[in-house]
Amino acid sequence: MPGEFLIVLPIEPIMPDTAYAAGTPLPMHCTLMPWFRWAADGAETSALMFLLEGLAGDRTKGALQLVSAGPDMFGPNGDVPVHVLSRNRELELLHTRLLISLAMYRVRFRDLAWLGAGYRPHVGDVRVTAHDAGRTFAADRIVLISRNEAGAKIVTSAHRLD
């Protein structure tokens, strides 16, 4: 059954099986892969979780340092406050590897502009001073989030970075 998914690196705790009502923001996180539709020839969500488990296991613990470079405005109208993250080769490689793996499953990405060379890692600025420039966080998990027909976001799985 097809589903819509988001893959993030949490900064604040995001616990498996937690649901967030439509319109409720997720805890602070860095988006690793924006929303996409999983319809890989009827493959179940377990195949997606297996893929993430493999990617998480290949990481070097502590290599994903998320460092805020400063504030910016994103979104189609430039009205979504974020903190852009400093360039990080390990983070960019993880995004690219995930993008290639998902493309092999023929997922449907919502917007191609934010993938590959267009990927700009950032943290949503849900609180004005939550992620000041220069602040550093170590990512220790990759989290898969699904969205149901009502728009609720459900934390489907969390995979520890080794």
N, C-alpha and C. Protein backbone atom coordinates (compact mmCIF):
# COMPACT_ATOMS: atom_id res chain seq x y z
N MET A 1 0.85 -1.18 0.00
CA MET A 1 0.00 0.00 0.00
C MET A 1 0.90 1.25 0.00
N PRO A 2 0.68 2.15 -0.94
CA PRO A 2 1.50 3.36 -0.98
C PRO A 2 1.30 4.22 0.26
N GLY A 3 2.33 4.95 0.61
CA GLY A 3 2.25 5.86 1.73
C GLY A 3 3.17 7.03 1.51
N GLU A 4 2.97 8.08 2.28
CA GLU A 4 3.82 9.26 2.19
C GLU A 4 4.75 9.28 3.39
N PHE A 5 6.03 9.55 3.14
CA PHE A 5 7.04 9.46 4.18
C PHE A 5 8.00 10.64 4.16
N LEU A 6 8.60 10.88 5.32
CA LEU A 6 9.61 11.89 5.55
C LEU A 6 10.71 11.22 6.36
N ILE A 7 11.98 11.56 6.09
CA ILE A 7 13.09 10.99 6.85
C ILE A 7 13.87 12.14 7.47
N VAL A 8 14.06 12.07 8.79
CA VAL A 8 14.69 13.18 9.52
C VAL A 8 15.79 12.68 10.44
N LEU A 9 16.63 13.64 10.84
CA LEU A 9 17.62 13.45 11.90
C LEU A 9 17.13 14.29 13.07
N PRO A 10 16.64 13.68 14.14
CA PRO A 10 16.07 14.46 15.23
C PRO A 10 17.13 15.21 16.03
N ILE A 11 16.77 16.40 16.45
CA ILE A 11 17.58 17.18 17.39
C ILE A 11 16.94 17.07 18.77
N GLU A 12 15.62 17.21 18.81
CA GLU A 12 14.87 16.94 20.03
C GLU A 12 14.35 15.51 19.92
N PRO A 13 14.04 14.87 21.04
CA PRO A 13 13.57 13.48 20.98
C PRO A 13 12.31 13.32 20.12
N ILE A 14 12.33 12.31 19.29
CA ILE A 14 11.19 11.91 18.47
C ILE A 14 11.04 10.42 18.70
N MET A 15 10.01 10.02 19.41
CA MET A 15 9.85 8.64 19.85
C MET A 15 8.99 7.82 18.89
N PRO A 16 9.38 6.56 18.60
CA PRO A 16 8.57 5.70 17.75
C PRO A 16 7.14 5.58 18.27
N ASP A 17 6.23 5.43 17.32
CA ASP A 17 4.79 5.26 17.57
C ASP A 17 4.11 6.53 18.07
N THR A 18 4.81 7.65 18.10
CA THR A 18 4.20 8.92 18.48
C THR A 18 3.47 9.49 17.27
N ALA A 19 2.31 10.07 17.49
CA ALA A 19 1.54 10.69 16.41
C ALA A 19 1.43 12.19 16.68
N TYR A 20 1.52 12.96 15.61
CA TYR A 20 1.38 14.42 15.66
C TYR A 20 0.22 14.79 14.76
N ALA A 21 -0.77 15.44 15.31
CA ALA A 21 -1.97 15.81 14.56
C ALA A 21 -1.60 16.71 13.38
N ALA A 22 -2.44 16.68 12.36
CA ALA A 22 -2.23 17.54 11.19
C ALA A 22 -2.06 18.99 11.66
N GLY A 23 -1.05 19.65 11.13
CA GLY A 23 -0.79 21.04 11.49
C GLY A 23 0.11 21.21 12.70
N THR A 24 0.36 20.14 13.45
CA THR A 24 1.24 20.20 14.62
C THR A 24 2.68 20.00 14.14
N PRO A 25 3.60 20.91 14.49
CA PRO A 25 4.99 20.72 14.03
C PRO A 25 5.66 19.55 14.75
N LEU A 26 6.58 18.94 14.06
CA LEU A 26 7.41 17.89 14.67
C LEU A 26 8.40 18.55 15.61
N PRO A 27 8.94 17.79 16.56
CA PRO A 27 10.04 18.33 17.37
C PRO A 27 11.18 18.75 16.44
N MET A 28 12.08 19.57 16.95
CA MET A 28 13.16 20.10 16.14
C MET A 28 13.95 18.97 15.49
N HIS A 29 14.22 19.12 14.18
CA HIS A 29 14.90 18.08 13.41
C HIS A 29 15.54 18.68 12.17
N CYS A 30 16.41 17.91 11.56
CA CYS A 30 16.98 18.22 10.26
C CYS A 30 16.36 17.24 9.27
N THR A 31 15.77 17.74 8.21
CA THR A 31 15.19 16.86 7.20
C THR A 31 16.31 16.24 6.37
N LEU A 32 16.33 14.91 6.35
CA LEU A 32 17.30 14.19 5.53
C LEU A 32 16.72 13.92 4.15
N MET A 33 15.42 13.60 4.09
CA MET A 33 14.74 13.38 2.81
C MET A 33 13.33 13.94 2.92
N PRO A 34 13.01 14.95 2.10
CA PRO A 34 11.66 15.53 2.15
C PRO A 34 10.59 14.51 1.78
N TRP A 35 9.34 14.89 1.98
CA TRP A 35 8.20 13.99 1.76
C TRP A 35 8.26 13.32 0.39
N PHE A 36 7.96 12.01 0.37
CA PHE A 36 7.91 11.23 -0.86
C PHE A 36 6.85 10.15 -0.72
N ARG A 37 6.40 9.65 -1.87
CA ARG A 37 5.42 8.57 -1.90
C ARG A 37 6.14 7.25 -2.14
N TRP A 38 5.87 6.28 -1.26
CA TRP A 38 6.47 4.95 -1.35
C TRP A 38 5.45 4.04 -2.02
N ALA A 39 5.73 3.65 -3.23
CA ALA A 39 4.82 2.77 -3.97
C ALA A 39 5.64 1.77 -4.77
N ALA A 40 6.66 1.23 -4.16
CA ALA A 40 7.63 0.38 -4.84
C ALA A 40 7.05 -0.98 -5.21
N ASP A 41 6.26 -1.00 -6.26
CA ASP A 41 5.68 -2.25 -6.75
C ASP A 41 5.03 -3.07 -5.64
N GLY A 42 4.32 -2.40 -4.74
CA GLY A 42 3.62 -3.09 -3.68
C GLY A 42 4.49 -3.48 -2.50
N ALA A 43 5.77 -3.08 -2.52
CA ALA A 43 6.65 -3.43 -1.40
C ALA A 43 6.11 -2.82 -0.11
N GLU A 44 6.25 -3.54 0.97
CA GLU A 44 5.75 -3.07 2.25
C GLU A 44 6.71 -2.07 2.88
N THR A 45 6.22 -1.36 3.86
CA THR A 45 7.02 -0.37 4.58
C THR A 45 8.24 -1.00 5.21
N SER A 46 8.19 -2.30 5.51
CA SER A 46 9.33 -2.97 6.13
C SER A 46 10.57 -2.89 5.24
N ALA A 47 10.41 -2.87 3.92
CA ALA A 47 11.55 -2.74 3.02
C ALA A 47 12.20 -1.37 3.19
N LEU A 48 11.40 -0.34 3.40
CA LEU A 48 11.93 1.01 3.63
C LEU A 48 12.67 1.05 4.96
N MET A 49 12.12 0.44 5.99
CA MET A 49 12.79 0.41 7.29
C MET A 49 14.10 -0.37 7.21
N PHE A 50 14.12 -1.46 6.44
CA PHE A 50 15.35 -2.24 6.26
C PHE A 50 16.42 -1.40 5.57
N LEU A 51 16.03 -0.63 4.58
CA LEU A 51 16.95 0.27 3.88
C LEU A 51 17.56 1.28 4.85
N LEU A 52 16.74 1.89 5.70
CA LEU A 52 17.23 2.87 6.66
C LEU A 52 18.14 2.23 7.70
N GLU A 53 17.82 1.02 8.12
CA GLU A 53 18.66 0.32 9.09
C GLU A 53 20.06 0.10 8.52
N GLY A 54 20.13 -0.26 7.25
CA GLY A 54 21.43 -0.44 6.60
C GLY A 54 22.21 0.85 6.49
N LEU A 55 21.54 1.93 6.12
CA LEU A 55 22.22 3.22 6.02
C LEU A 55 22.71 3.70 7.38
N ALA A 56 21.89 3.51 8.40
CA ALA A 56 22.27 3.94 9.75
C ALA A 56 23.46 3.15 10.24
N GLY A 57 23.52 1.86 9.96
CA GLY A 57 24.62 1.02 10.41
C GLY A 57 25.94 1.32 9.75
N ASP A 58 25.89 1.97 8.57
CA ASP A 58 27.11 2.31 7.84
C ASP A 58 27.74 3.61 8.30
N ARG A 59 27.08 4.34 9.16
CA ARG A 59 27.58 5.65 9.59
C ARG A 59 28.63 5.51 10.68
N THR A 60 29.52 6.46 10.75
CA THR A 60 30.50 6.53 11.83
C THR A 60 29.87 7.33 12.96
N LYS A 61 29.82 6.74 14.15
CA LYS A 61 29.19 7.41 15.28
C LYS A 61 29.83 8.77 15.52
N GLY A 62 29.00 9.77 15.68
CA GLY A 62 29.47 11.13 15.94
C GLY A 62 29.85 11.91 14.69
N ALA A 63 29.78 11.28 13.50
CA ALA A 63 30.20 11.96 12.28
C ALA A 63 29.18 12.98 11.80
N LEU A 64 27.94 12.82 12.19
CA LEU A 64 26.91 13.73 11.73
C LEU A 64 26.73 14.87 12.73
N GLN A 65 27.61 15.82 12.65
CA GLN A 65 27.53 17.01 13.49
C GLN A 65 26.69 18.05 12.74
N LEU A 66 25.63 18.49 13.36
CA LEU A 66 24.74 19.49 12.76
C LEU A 66 25.07 20.84 13.37
N VAL A 67 25.61 21.74 12.56
CA VAL A 67 26.05 23.04 13.04
C VAL A 67 25.26 24.13 12.31
N SER A 68 24.59 24.95 13.07
CA SER A 68 23.81 26.03 12.48
C SER A 68 24.73 27.11 11.92
N ALA A 69 24.51 27.46 10.63
CA ALA A 69 25.29 28.53 10.00
C ALA A 69 24.60 29.87 10.17
N GLY A 70 23.28 29.84 10.33
CA GLY A 70 22.55 31.09 10.51
C GLY A 70 21.13 31.01 9.99
N PRO A 71 20.33 32.02 10.29
CA PRO A 71 18.92 32.02 9.90
C PRO A 71 18.73 32.29 8.41
N ASP A 72 17.59 31.82 7.91
CA ASP A 72 17.20 32.05 6.52
C ASP A 72 15.68 31.89 6.46
N MET A 73 15.11 32.15 5.31
CA MET A 73 13.68 31.97 5.09
C MET A 73 13.50 31.01 3.92
N PHE A 74 12.72 29.94 4.12
CA PHE A 74 12.45 28.95 3.10
C PHE A 74 10.97 28.98 2.74
N GLY A 75 10.59 28.05 1.90
CA GLY A 75 9.19 27.92 1.50
C GLY A 75 8.92 28.65 0.21
N PRO A 76 7.80 28.31 -0.44
CA PRO A 76 7.47 28.91 -1.73
C PRO A 76 7.31 30.43 -1.66
N ASN A 77 6.94 30.93 -0.49
CA ASN A 77 6.75 32.37 -0.33
C ASN A 77 7.87 33.02 0.48
N GLY A 78 8.91 32.23 0.80
CA GLY A 78 10.02 32.77 1.58
C GLY A 78 9.59 33.25 2.95
N ASP A 79 8.62 32.55 3.56
CA ASP A 79 8.09 32.99 4.84
C ASP A 79 8.21 31.94 5.95
N VAL A 80 9.05 30.93 5.72
CA VAL A 80 9.24 29.88 6.72
C VAL A 80 10.63 30.06 7.34
N PRO A 81 10.70 30.47 8.61
CA PRO A 81 12.01 30.69 9.23
C PRO A 81 12.71 29.37 9.54
N VAL A 82 13.99 29.30 9.16
CA VAL A 82 14.82 28.12 9.39
C VAL A 82 16.22 28.58 9.80
N HIS A 83 17.01 27.63 10.25
CA HIS A 83 18.44 27.84 10.43
C HIS A 83 19.14 26.88 9.48
N VAL A 84 19.85 27.43 8.51
CA VAL A 84 20.60 26.63 7.55
C VAL A 84 21.80 26.03 8.28
N LEU A 85 22.11 24.78 7.95
CA LEU A 85 23.25 24.10 8.57
C LEU A 85 24.51 24.28 7.73
N SER A 86 25.63 24.32 8.41
CA SER A 86 26.93 24.40 7.72
C SER A 86 27.11 23.15 6.86
N ARG A 87 27.84 23.30 5.76
CA ARG A 87 28.10 22.16 4.88
C ARG A 87 28.76 21.04 5.68
N ASN A 88 28.31 19.83 5.42
CA ASN A 88 28.81 18.66 6.12
C ASN A 88 28.86 17.52 5.11
N ARG A 89 30.06 17.12 4.76
CA ARG A 89 30.24 16.09 3.72
C ARG A 89 29.51 14.80 4.09
N GLU A 90 29.60 14.38 5.34
CA GLU A 90 28.96 13.14 5.77
C GLU A 90 27.44 13.22 5.62
N LEU A 91 26.86 14.34 5.98
CA LEU A 91 25.41 14.54 5.85
C LEU A 91 25.00 14.54 4.38
N GLU A 92 25.75 15.23 3.55
CA GLU A 92 25.44 15.27 2.12
C GLU A 92 25.57 13.90 1.47
N LEU A 93 26.59 13.13 1.87
CA LEU A 93 26.74 11.77 1.34
C LEU A 93 25.59 10.87 1.77
N LEU A 94 25.16 11.00 3.02
CA LEU A 94 24.03 10.21 3.50
C LEU A 94 22.76 10.55 2.71
N HIS A 95 22.51 11.84 2.48
CA HIS A 95 21.35 12.26 1.69
C HIS A 95 21.43 11.68 0.28
N THR A 96 22.60 11.77 -0.34
CA THR A 96 22.77 11.28 -1.72
C THR A 96 22.59 9.78 -1.79
N ARG A 97 23.16 9.05 -0.84
CA ARG A 97 23.00 7.59 -0.82
C ARG A 97 21.54 7.20 -0.66
N LEU A 98 20.86 7.90 0.23
CA LEU A 98 19.43 7.64 0.44
C LEU A 98 18.63 7.97 -0.82
N LEU A 99 18.94 9.09 -1.45
CA LEU A 99 18.25 9.49 -2.68
C LEU A 99 18.41 8.42 -3.76
N ILE A 100 19.62 7.92 -3.96
CA ILE A 100 19.87 6.89 -4.97
C ILE A 100 19.11 5.61 -4.63
N SER A 101 19.14 5.22 -3.37
CA SER A 101 18.43 4.00 -2.94
C SER A 101 16.93 4.14 -3.16
N LEU A 102 16.36 5.28 -2.80
CA LEU A 102 14.92 5.48 -2.97
C LEU A 102 14.55 5.53 -4.45
N ALA A 103 15.40 6.14 -5.27
CA ALA A 103 15.13 6.21 -6.71
C ALA A 103 15.07 4.80 -7.31
N MET A 104 15.89 3.90 -6.79
CA MET A 104 15.87 2.52 -7.28
C MET A 104 14.53 1.84 -6.97
N TYR A 105 13.86 2.29 -5.92
CA TYR A 105 12.53 1.76 -5.58
C TYR A 105 11.42 2.52 -6.30
N ARG A 106 11.80 3.48 -7.12
CA ARG A 106 10.85 4.28 -7.90
C ARG A 106 9.86 5.05 -7.05
N VAL A 107 10.35 5.62 -5.96
CA VAL A 107 9.47 6.44 -5.14
C VAL A 107 9.13 7.72 -5.92
N ARG A 108 8.06 8.37 -5.52
CA ARG A 108 7.67 9.64 -6.14
C ARG A 108 7.95 10.76 -5.16
N PHE A 109 8.91 11.59 -5.52
CA PHE A 109 9.27 12.72 -4.68
C PHE A 109 8.30 13.87 -4.93
N ARG A 110 7.93 14.55 -3.87
CA ARG A 110 6.98 15.65 -3.97
C ARG A 110 7.59 16.81 -4.77
N ASP A 111 8.85 17.14 -4.51
CA ASP A 111 9.49 18.28 -5.17
C ASP A 111 10.96 17.96 -5.39
N LEU A 112 11.36 17.82 -6.63
CA LEU A 112 12.74 17.45 -6.97
C LEU A 112 13.74 18.57 -6.71
N ALA A 113 13.26 19.79 -6.57
CA ALA A 113 14.17 20.94 -6.40
C ALA A 113 15.00 20.85 -5.14
N TRP A 114 14.54 20.11 -4.12
CA TRP A 114 15.23 20.07 -2.82
C TRP A 114 16.05 18.80 -2.63
N LEU A 115 16.31 18.10 -3.73
CA LEU A 115 17.05 16.84 -3.66
C LEU A 115 18.40 16.97 -4.36
N GLY A 116 19.32 16.08 -4.01
CA GLY A 116 20.63 16.06 -4.67
C GLY A 116 21.35 17.39 -4.50
N ALA A 117 21.73 18.01 -5.62
CA ALA A 117 22.45 19.28 -5.57
C ALA A 117 21.61 20.39 -4.95
N GLY A 118 20.29 20.24 -4.93
CA GLY A 118 19.41 21.24 -4.34
C GLY A 118 19.14 21.05 -2.86
N TYR A 119 19.73 20.01 -2.28
CA TYR A 119 19.53 19.73 -0.85
C TYR A 119 20.23 20.80 -0.02
N ARG A 120 19.47 21.46 0.83
CA ARG A 120 20.01 22.48 1.73
C ARG A 120 19.62 22.10 3.15
N PRO A 121 20.49 21.39 3.86
CA PRO A 121 20.15 20.95 5.22
C PRO A 121 19.84 22.15 6.10
N HIS A 122 18.79 22.00 6.88
CA HIS A 122 18.36 23.10 7.76
C HIS A 122 17.55 22.53 8.93
N VAL A 123 17.36 23.38 9.91
CA VAL A 123 16.53 23.06 11.06
C VAL A 123 15.41 24.06 11.07
N GLY A 124 14.17 23.57 11.19
CA GLY A 124 13.03 24.46 11.29
C GLY A 124 13.13 25.32 12.54
N ASP A 125 12.85 26.59 12.38
CA ASP A 125 12.98 27.54 13.48
C ASP A 125 11.64 27.66 14.22
N VAL A 126 11.25 26.58 14.90
CA VAL A 126 9.95 26.59 15.57
C VAL A 126 9.94 27.47 16.80
N ARG A 127 11.11 27.75 17.35
CA ARG A 127 11.26 28.70 18.46
C ARG A 127 12.39 29.63 18.07
N VAL A 128 12.22 30.88 18.27
CA VAL A 128 13.14 31.89 17.75
C VAL A 128 14.60 31.62 18.09
N THR A 129 14.93 31.25 19.31
CA THR A 129 16.34 31.06 19.68
C THR A 129 16.73 29.59 19.84
N ALA A 130 15.92 28.70 19.31
CA ALA A 130 16.15 27.28 19.54
C ALA A 130 17.42 26.74 18.91
N HIS A 131 17.90 27.34 17.87
CA HIS A 131 19.07 26.79 17.17
C HIS A 131 19.94 27.95 16.69
N ASP A 132 20.55 28.64 17.62
CA ASP A 132 21.38 29.81 17.32
C ASP A 132 22.54 29.45 16.41
N ALA A 133 23.01 30.44 15.63
CA ALA A 133 24.16 30.24 14.75
C ALA A 133 25.35 29.73 15.57
N GLY A 134 26.02 28.71 15.04
CA GLY A 134 27.17 28.12 15.71
C GLY A 134 26.83 26.99 16.66
N ARG A 135 25.57 26.83 16.99
CA ARG A 135 25.17 25.76 17.90
C ARG A 135 25.33 24.42 17.20
N THR A 136 25.85 23.42 17.91
CA THR A 136 26.15 22.11 17.32
C THR A 136 25.37 21.01 18.02
N PHE A 137 24.85 20.09 17.22
CA PHE A 137 24.17 18.90 17.72
C PHE A 137 24.73 17.70 16.99
N ALA A 138 24.88 16.58 17.66
CA ALA A 138 25.29 15.33 17.02
C ALA A 138 24.03 14.51 16.75
N ALA A 139 23.85 14.14 15.49
CA ALA A 139 22.70 13.30 15.13
C ALA A 139 23.01 11.87 15.52
N ASP A 140 22.10 11.22 16.25
CA ASP A 140 22.34 9.84 16.66
C ASP A 140 21.29 8.86 16.14
N ARG A 141 20.31 9.36 15.36
CA ARG A 141 19.26 8.50 14.83
C ARG A 141 18.79 9.00 13.47
N ILE A 142 18.29 8.06 12.68
CA ILE A 142 17.54 8.38 11.47
C ILE A 142 16.12 7.96 11.77
N VAL A 143 15.17 8.86 11.57
CA VAL A 143 13.77 8.58 11.94
C VAL A 143 12.89 8.64 10.69
N LEU A 144 12.06 7.62 10.54
CA LEU A 144 11.09 7.54 9.45
C LEU A 144 9.72 7.97 9.98
N ILE A 145 9.10 8.90 9.28
CA ILE A 145 7.79 9.42 9.67
C ILE A 145 6.83 9.23 8.50
N SER A 146 5.66 8.70 8.79
CA SER A 146 4.64 8.54 7.76
C SER A 146 3.53 9.55 7.99
N ARG A 147 2.73 9.75 6.96
CA ARG A 147 1.58 10.67 7.09
C ARG A 147 0.35 9.93 6.58
N ASN A 148 -0.72 9.97 7.40
CA ASN A 148 -1.95 9.28 7.00
C ASN A 148 -2.86 10.21 6.19
N GLU A 149 -3.99 9.69 5.78
CA GLU A 149 -4.92 10.44 4.93
C GLU A 149 -5.44 11.71 5.61
N ALA A 150 -5.50 11.71 6.94
CA ALA A 150 -5.99 12.88 7.68
C ALA A 150 -4.88 13.91 7.91
N GLY A 151 -3.66 13.60 7.47
CA GLY A 151 -2.55 14.54 7.63
C GLY A 151 -1.76 14.38 8.91
N ALA A 152 -2.14 13.42 9.75
CA ALA A 152 -1.38 13.18 10.99
C ALA A 152 -0.04 12.54 10.63
N LYS A 153 0.99 12.93 11.35
CA LYS A 153 2.34 12.38 11.15
C LYS A 153 2.60 11.35 12.24
N ILE A 154 3.02 10.16 11.83
CA ILE A 154 3.27 9.07 12.77
C ILE A 154 4.73 8.65 12.68
N VAL A 155 5.41 8.57 13.81
CA VAL A 155 6.80 8.13 13.85
C VAL A 155 6.79 6.62 13.66
N THR A 156 7.24 6.18 12.50
CA THR A 156 7.16 4.78 12.10
C THR A 156 8.33 3.96 12.63
N SER A 157 9.54 4.53 12.57
CA SER A 157 10.72 3.80 13.07
C SER A 157 11.85 4.77 13.35
N ALA A 158 12.77 4.33 14.21
CA ALA A 158 13.98 5.10 14.52
C ALA A 158 15.16 4.13 14.45
N HIS A 159 16.23 4.56 13.77
CA HIS A 159 17.39 3.71 13.56
C HIS A 159 18.63 4.40 14.09
N ARG A 160 19.29 3.76 15.04
CA ARG A 160 20.46 4.33 15.71
C ARG A 160 21.64 4.36 14.76
N LEU A 161 22.31 5.50 14.71
CA LEU A 161 23.52 5.63 13.91
C LEU A 161 24.66 4.95 14.66
N ASP A 162 25.33 4.02 14.04
CA ASP A 162 26.45 3.31 14.69
C ASP A 162 27.74 4.07 14.50
